[in-house]
Amino acid sequence: MKGLALKELIANLPKTETHLHVEGALPWEMLREANPEKFSSVPAFRMPGFRYDSFEQFESILIDHALLIFKSAESYYEVAKRIFEKHLAENVRYVETSFHAGMMEFLNIPGEEILQAIRAAVPEGLTVRVFLGISRNAYSPYLGPRLEQAISEWEDLAGIDLHGLESLPLEDWTMPYWEKAKANGLTVKAHAGEFGPAGNVSHAIDQLGVRRVQHGVRAVESEDVLSRIVDSGTTLDVCPISNYKLRVVKDWIDHPLKQFLDLGISCTISRDDPFSFDNTLCEEYLVCIDQLGCSIADVGCLARMGFEVADMDLSEKRLAQAEISEKIDTYPASDV
């Protein structure tokens, strides 16, 4: 009964998702509908116990499948519509999602058309902000001018997010580009401290000017970086199941989320790439309790912080946070 009550609590909490890749959130059923014979059975990489051998293996599988569906702006609309329907079913009120800038070149589609297709799929009751995900080596002769256009001319672009292998060095264009985006009023993010060292997190904060770090789990390796996160008011958008299945952490016990919370670091919970991990947002919250040592109060803190960083109407934020507090405070102590 305790387990059922906890699942019900998590399901009923208002939630946000602030770290989600559109291409990585492709619903499996869309592949099955497109080719029932090929995709009727569940593949090994979506099985509960599966863990990837490397980031390269994960990326290869994801890209191979995504390119079967993502072929036009219309396909982005259809996928986003399914994604957002699933959000409503999990009582998600606010979403920040990104699409990969490289798709403009892969598919020969104007990026603004992709942006508007995603936004057109947003249902009533859900606030969505769309980011452009930019790889560390993305500033090519083809993409460079389009990236510049994105941060100066695209209407409704919420911000930019640094993607890609952290083993790749930051190129000379990156810092000025992030500065320009921030000056233009966009929210700037960066993936850091996932596979790369703790120093990548402080670099993202100090050199790129971000206050939203995607993952950031390896910050735990440096007390100085942990202090910098706290002092700067930076939020870590953490994805525990992704971190486990991609072997960012060796085992569940090694995940630092609880330590972050105890240090007063602002964290949110998201799924990253649910196509690859077959994870729901409710499962992410349950993992925080069942595997990472978080308390019910911690879960309430995580849910409230998602709304604290959300770019949405202030009254809606406060109502959602009040609802979270009420549900957490009235949860039976005997079920904790």
Protein backbone atom coordinates (compact mmCIF):
# COMPACT_ATOMS: atom_id res chain seq x y z
CA MET A 1 0.00 0.00 0.00
CA LYS A 2 2.89 2.37 0.78
CA GLY A 3 4.21 1.93 -2.73
CA LEU A 4 0.83 2.61 -4.25
CA ALA A 5 0.32 5.71 -2.11
CA LEU A 6 3.74 7.06 -3.09
CA LYS A 7 3.09 6.47 -6.78
CA GLU A 8 -0.24 8.26 -6.43
CA LEU A 9 1.44 11.19 -4.70
CA ILE A 10 4.07 11.52 -7.44
CA ALA A 11 1.46 11.18 -10.19
CA ASN A 12 -0.66 13.94 -8.66
CA LEU A 13 2.14 16.43 -8.07
CA PRO A 14 2.28 19.33 -10.53
CA LYS A 15 5.54 18.87 -12.38
CA THR A 16 7.90 20.51 -14.83
CA GLU A 17 10.39 19.06 -17.30
CA THR A 18 13.33 21.31 -18.03
CA HIS A 19 15.82 19.00 -19.74
CA LEU A 20 14.28 17.23 -22.73
CA HIS A 21 15.51 16.67 -26.28
CA VAL A 22 12.72 16.54 -28.84
CA GLU A 23 14.52 14.01 -31.04
CA GLY A 24 15.35 11.96 -27.96
CA ALA A 25 11.72 11.99 -26.82
CA LEU A 26 10.41 10.30 -29.97
CA PRO A 27 7.55 8.04 -28.81
CA TRP A 28 8.32 4.40 -29.57
CA GLU A 29 4.75 3.80 -30.72
CA MET A 30 5.28 6.16 -33.66
CA LEU A 31 7.96 3.83 -35.02
CA ARG A 32 5.68 0.87 -34.43
CA GLU A 33 2.85 2.59 -36.28
CA ALA A 34 5.16 3.47 -39.17
CA ASN A 35 6.55 -0.06 -39.49
CA PRO A 36 4.67 -2.63 -37.34
CA GLU A 37 6.66 -5.58 -38.64
CA LYS A 38 10.05 -4.07 -37.80
CA PHE A 39 9.17 -2.42 -34.50
CA SER A 40 6.54 -4.70 -32.98
CA SER A 41 8.86 -6.05 -30.27
CA VAL A 42 10.67 -4.07 -27.57
CA PRO A 43 14.38 -3.70 -28.39
CA ALA A 44 17.10 -4.55 -25.89
CA PHE A 45 18.05 -0.91 -25.31
CA ARG A 46 14.57 -0.16 -23.95
CA MET A 47 14.58 -3.09 -21.51
CA PRO A 48 14.61 -2.18 -17.78
CA GLY A 49 18.05 -3.58 -17.01
CA PHE A 50 19.85 -2.26 -20.08
CA ARG A 51 22.80 0.10 -19.70
CA TYR A 52 24.73 1.61 -22.61
CA ASP A 53 28.38 0.76 -23.13
CA SER A 54 29.26 4.28 -24.26
CA PHE A 55 27.81 7.62 -25.24
CA GLU A 56 28.67 6.82 -28.84
CA GLN A 57 26.52 3.67 -28.73
CA PHE A 58 23.63 5.65 -27.25
CA GLU A 59 23.95 8.41 -29.83
CA SER A 60 24.19 6.02 -32.77
CA ILE A 61 21.04 4.10 -31.78
CA LEU A 62 19.10 7.29 -31.16
CA ILE A 63 20.08 8.96 -34.44
CA ASP A 64 19.41 5.83 -36.50
CA HIS A 65 15.85 5.64 -35.20
CA ALA A 66 15.10 9.37 -35.11
CA LEU A 67 15.96 9.86 -38.77
CA LEU A 68 13.26 7.33 -39.66
CA ILE A 69 10.60 9.71 -38.36
CA PHE A 70 12.03 13.23 -38.40
CA LYS A 71 11.88 14.22 -42.06
CA SER A 72 10.03 17.54 -42.16
CA ALA A 73 8.69 20.35 -40.02
CA GLU A 74 5.36 18.51 -40.06
CA SER A 75 7.00 15.46 -38.52
CA TYR A 76 8.29 17.63 -35.68
CA TYR A 77 4.73 18.82 -35.13
CA GLU A 78 3.38 15.26 -35.01
CA VAL A 79 6.10 14.07 -32.63
CA ALA A 80 5.81 17.11 -30.38
CA LYS A 81 2.05 16.67 -30.19
CA ARG A 82 2.47 13.12 -28.87
CA ILE A 83 5.19 14.22 -26.45
CA PHE A 84 3.07 16.99 -24.99
CA GLU A 85 0.04 14.71 -24.66
CA LYS A 86 2.18 12.47 -22.47
CA HIS A 87 3.18 15.47 -20.40
CA LEU A 88 -0.43 16.33 -19.67
CA ALA A 89 -1.07 12.72 -18.67
CA GLU A 90 1.70 13.04 -16.04
CA ASN A 91 0.39 16.37 -14.72
CA VAL A 92 3.28 18.32 -16.20
CA ARG A 93 2.50 22.02 -16.45
CA TYR A 94 5.73 23.43 -17.90
CA VAL A 95 8.34 22.11 -20.37
CA GLU A 96 11.68 23.29 -21.70
CA THR A 97 12.74 21.27 -24.71
CA SER A 98 15.44 21.60 -27.36
CA PHE A 99 15.85 20.49 -30.94
CA HIS A 100 19.19 19.73 -32.50
CA ALA A 101 20.60 22.51 -34.70
CA GLY A 102 22.26 19.94 -36.94
CA MET A 103 18.85 18.81 -38.14
CA MET A 104 18.64 22.00 -40.17
CA GLU A 105 21.49 20.63 -42.28
CA PHE A 106 20.60 16.93 -42.11
CA LEU A 107 17.03 17.55 -43.30
CA ASN A 108 17.52 20.81 -45.19
CA ILE A 109 14.75 22.45 -43.15
CA PRO A 110 14.83 26.07 -41.93
CA GLY A 111 15.24 25.97 -38.18
CA GLU A 112 12.51 28.51 -37.59
CA GLU A 113 10.05 26.16 -39.28
CA ILE A 114 11.02 23.42 -36.83
CA LEU A 115 10.65 25.85 -33.94
CA GLN A 116 7.21 26.97 -35.00
CA ALA A 117 6.09 23.39 -35.69
CA ILE A 118 6.97 22.40 -32.14
CA ARG A 119 5.23 25.44 -30.71
CA ALA A 120 2.13 24.78 -32.80
CA ALA A 121 1.78 21.39 -31.09
CA VAL A 122 1.53 22.83 -27.57
CA PRO A 123 -1.86 21.95 -26.03
CA GLU A 124 -3.93 24.06 -23.68
CA GLY A 125 -2.79 23.62 -20.10
CA LEU A 126 0.91 23.30 -20.92
CA THR A 127 3.54 26.04 -21.18
CA VAL A 128 6.45 25.14 -23.46
CA ARG A 129 9.72 26.96 -24.13
CA VAL A 130 11.82 25.77 -27.09
CA PHE A 131 15.63 25.94 -27.14
CA LEU A 132 18.13 25.42 -29.93
CA GLY A 133 20.60 22.66 -29.05
CA ILE A 134 24.03 23.48 -30.47
CA SER A 135 26.94 21.04 -30.59
CA ARG A 136 30.40 22.17 -29.57
CA ASN A 137 31.63 21.90 -33.16
CA ALA A 138 28.45 23.15 -34.87
CA TYR A 139 29.69 26.48 -36.22
CA SER A 140 30.32 25.25 -39.76
CA PRO A 141 30.15 27.36 -42.94
CA TYR A 142 26.60 26.05 -43.40
CA LEU A 143 25.29 26.31 -39.85
CA GLY A 144 27.23 29.34 -38.64
CA PRO A 145 25.10 31.97 -40.42
CA ARG A 146 21.94 30.12 -39.42
CA LEU A 147 22.99 30.05 -35.78
CA GLU A 148 23.60 33.79 -35.88
CA GLN A 149 20.18 34.32 -37.43
CA ALA A 150 18.57 32.17 -34.77
CA ILE A 151 19.62 34.33 -31.82
CA SER A 152 18.89 37.62 -33.55
CA GLU A 153 15.82 36.99 -35.71
CA TRP A 154 13.84 33.90 -34.68
CA GLU A 155 10.65 34.80 -32.92
CA ASP A 156 9.67 32.63 -29.95
CA LEU A 157 13.10 31.04 -29.45
CA ALA A 158 13.54 30.74 -25.67
CA GLY A 159 17.28 30.19 -25.65
CA ILE A 160 20.26 28.04 -26.57
CA ASP A 161 21.84 24.96 -25.05
CA LEU A 162 25.37 23.63 -25.54
CA HIS A 163 25.21 19.96 -26.58
CA GLY A 164 27.67 17.29 -27.62
CA LEU A 165 30.67 15.41 -26.36
CA GLU A 166 32.45 17.24 -23.56
CA SER A 167 35.72 15.78 -24.81
CA LEU A 168 35.52 18.26 -27.69
CA PRO A 169 37.18 21.58 -26.81
CA LEU A 170 35.15 24.76 -26.83
CA GLU A 171 35.91 26.62 -30.04
CA ASP A 172 36.63 30.35 -30.29
CA TRP A 173 33.12 31.21 -31.51
CA THR A 174 31.37 29.76 -28.47
CA MET A 175 31.88 32.39 -25.75
CA PRO A 176 31.05 35.42 -27.96
CA TYR A 177 28.01 33.59 -29.30
CA TRP A 178 26.70 32.78 -25.80
CA GLU A 179 27.34 36.37 -24.75
CA LYS A 180 25.39 37.67 -27.75
CA ALA A 181 22.49 35.32 -27.10
CA LYS A 182 22.32 36.42 -23.48
CA ALA A 183 22.50 40.09 -24.50
CA ASN A 184 19.56 39.45 -26.84
CA GLY A 185 17.46 38.32 -23.90
CA LEU A 186 17.70 34.56 -24.48
CA THR A 187 18.19 32.00 -21.73
CA VAL A 188 21.54 30.25 -22.07
CA LYS A 189 22.23 26.70 -20.92
CA ALA A 190 25.06 24.19 -21.26
CA HIS A 191 25.51 20.45 -20.87
CA ALA A 192 28.46 20.14 -18.51
CA GLY A 193 29.74 17.78 -15.86
CA GLU A 194 28.04 14.75 -17.38
CA PHE A 195 30.96 12.90 -18.94
CA GLY A 196 33.35 15.82 -18.58
CA PRO A 197 35.07 16.93 -15.35
CA ALA A 198 33.76 19.20 -12.64
CA GLY A 199 35.75 22.07 -14.12
CA ASN A 200 33.42 22.09 -17.12
CA VAL A 201 30.60 23.16 -14.81
CA SER A 202 32.47 26.14 -13.39
CA HIS A 203 33.62 27.05 -16.90
CA ALA A 204 30.02 27.05 -18.12
CA ILE A 205 29.05 29.31 -15.22
CA ASP A 206 31.98 31.72 -15.41
CA GLN A 207 32.84 31.77 -19.12
CA LEU A 208 29.50 31.11 -20.82
CA GLY A 209 27.45 32.94 -18.22
CA VAL A 210 24.91 30.15 -17.76
CA ARG A 211 22.80 29.68 -14.66
CA ARG A 212 21.22 26.50 -15.98
CA VAL A 213 23.55 23.51 -16.25
CA GLN A 214 22.24 20.32 -17.82
CA HIS A 215 23.35 17.33 -15.68
CA GLY A 216 26.31 18.75 -13.73
CA VAL A 217 26.61 15.56 -11.68
CA ARG A 218 30.41 15.46 -11.75
CA ALA A 219 30.51 18.77 -9.93
CA VAL A 220 30.53 16.54 -6.86
CA GLU A 221 34.22 15.87 -7.55
CA SER A 222 35.21 19.42 -6.55
CA GLU A 223 34.27 21.34 -3.41
CA ASP A 224 35.24 24.57 -5.16
CA VAL A 225 32.85 23.87 -8.03
CA LEU A 226 30.07 22.96 -5.62
CA SER A 227 30.60 26.26 -3.85
CA ARG A 228 30.58 28.11 -7.17
CA ILE A 229 27.21 26.54 -8.07
CA VAL A 230 25.71 27.64 -4.75
CA ASP A 231 27.21 31.14 -4.84
CA SER A 232 26.08 31.79 -8.42
CA GLY A 233 22.56 30.47 -7.87
CA THR A 234 22.96 28.00 -10.71
CA THR A 235 20.36 25.28 -11.19
CA LEU A 236 21.30 21.75 -12.25
CA ASP A 237 18.70 20.09 -14.49
CA VAL A 238 19.38 16.50 -13.47
CA CYS A 239 18.26 13.28 -15.18
CA PRO A 240 18.95 10.36 -12.80
CA ILE A 241 17.85 7.45 -15.03
CA SER A 242 19.86 8.82 -17.95
CA ASN A 243 22.89 9.18 -15.68
CA TYR A 244 22.56 5.57 -14.57
CA LYS A 245 21.87 4.03 -17.96
CA LEU A 246 24.68 5.97 -19.62
CA ARG A 247 27.06 4.99 -16.80
CA VAL A 248 27.73 8.58 -15.81
CA VAL A 249 27.52 7.06 -12.33
CA LYS A 250 28.81 3.56 -11.64
CA ASP A 251 25.81 2.64 -9.51
CA TRP A 252 22.75 4.31 -8.05
CA ILE A 253 24.48 4.84 -4.72
CA ASP A 254 27.08 7.00 -6.48
CA HIS A 255 24.56 9.55 -7.78
CA PRO A 256 25.10 12.90 -5.99
CA LEU A 257 21.56 14.34 -6.21
CA LYS A 258 20.88 13.97 -2.48
CA GLN A 259 24.23 15.56 -1.69
CA PHE A 260 23.42 18.48 -3.98
CA LEU A 261 20.10 19.05 -2.23
CA ASP A 262 21.70 18.88 1.21
CA LEU A 263 24.19 21.54 0.10
CA GLY A 264 21.35 23.82 -0.97
CA ILE A 265 21.97 23.45 -4.70
CA SER A 266 18.93 24.11 -6.85
CA CYS A 267 18.05 20.99 -8.88
CA THR A 268 15.23 19.92 -11.16
CA ILE A 269 14.28 16.47 -12.44
CA SER A 270 13.83 15.52 -16.11
CA ARG A 271 14.12 12.55 -18.48
CA ASP A 272 16.71 13.73 -21.03
CA ASP A 273 15.98 11.22 -23.85
CA PRO A 274 13.01 8.99 -22.96
CA PHE A 275 13.14 7.24 -26.33
CA SER A 276 16.48 5.77 -25.31
CA PHE A 277 15.66 5.00 -21.68
CA ASP A 278 11.90 4.22 -21.76
CA ASN A 279 11.43 6.37 -18.65
CA THR A 280 8.48 8.41 -17.46
CA LEU A 281 8.83 11.54 -15.35
CA CYS A 282 6.99 9.83 -12.48
CA GLU A 283 9.59 7.05 -12.60
CA GLU A 284 12.36 9.64 -12.33
CA TYR A 285 10.84 10.97 -9.11
CA LEU A 286 10.35 7.48 -7.72
CA VAL A 287 13.97 6.65 -8.44
CA CYS A 288 14.98 9.68 -6.38
CA ILE A 289 13.30 8.07 -3.37
CA ASP A 290 13.89 4.39 -4.03
CA GLN A 291 17.50 4.58 -5.23
CA LEU A 292 19.02 7.97 -4.40
CA GLY A 293 18.04 8.37 -0.77
CA CYS A 294 15.77 11.37 -1.23
CA SER A 295 12.94 12.05 1.20
CA ILE A 296 9.38 13.07 0.46
CA ALA A 297 10.42 16.60 1.43
CA ASP A 298 13.26 16.43 -1.10
CA VAL A 299 10.80 15.42 -3.81
CA GLY A 300 8.65 18.40 -2.94
CA CYS A 301 11.71 20.64 -3.15
CA LEU A 302 12.63 19.26 -6.58
CA ALA A 303 9.11 19.75 -7.90
CA ARG A 304 8.85 23.29 -6.52
CA MET A 305 12.25 24.25 -7.92
CA GLY A 306 11.13 23.23 -11.39
CA PHE A 307 8.49 25.94 -11.17
CA GLU A 308 10.91 28.41 -9.58
CA VAL A 309 13.09 28.40 -12.73
CA ALA A 310 10.12 28.13 -15.11
CA ASP A 311 9.53 31.00 -17.52
CA MET A 312 5.80 31.17 -16.99
CA ASP A 313 3.14 33.39 -15.44
CA LEU A 314 4.10 34.10 -11.83
CA SER A 315 0.62 33.42 -10.48
CA GLU A 316 0.62 29.98 -12.19
CA LYS A 317 4.03 29.20 -10.70
CA ARG A 318 2.95 30.09 -7.19
CA LEU A 319 -0.31 28.16 -7.46
CA ALA A 320 1.57 25.05 -8.62
CA GLN A 321 4.14 25.41 -5.84
CA ALA A 322 1.40 25.83 -3.24
CA GLU A 323 -0.33 22.71 -4.56
CA ILE A 324 2.93 20.78 -4.32
CA SER A 325 3.49 21.90 -0.73
CA GLU A 326 -0.05 20.96 0.25
CA LYS A 327 0.24 17.46 -1.22
CA ILE A 328 3.67 16.87 0.34
CA ASP A 329 2.62 18.22 3.75
CA THR A 330 -0.52 16.05 3.88
CA TYR A 331 1.20 12.85 2.77
CA PRO A 332 0.83 10.33 5.63
CA ALA A 333 3.99 10.17 7.76
CA SER A 334 3.46 6.43 8.16
CA ASP A 335 3.92 6.02 4.41
CA VAL A 336 7.29 7.80 4.30
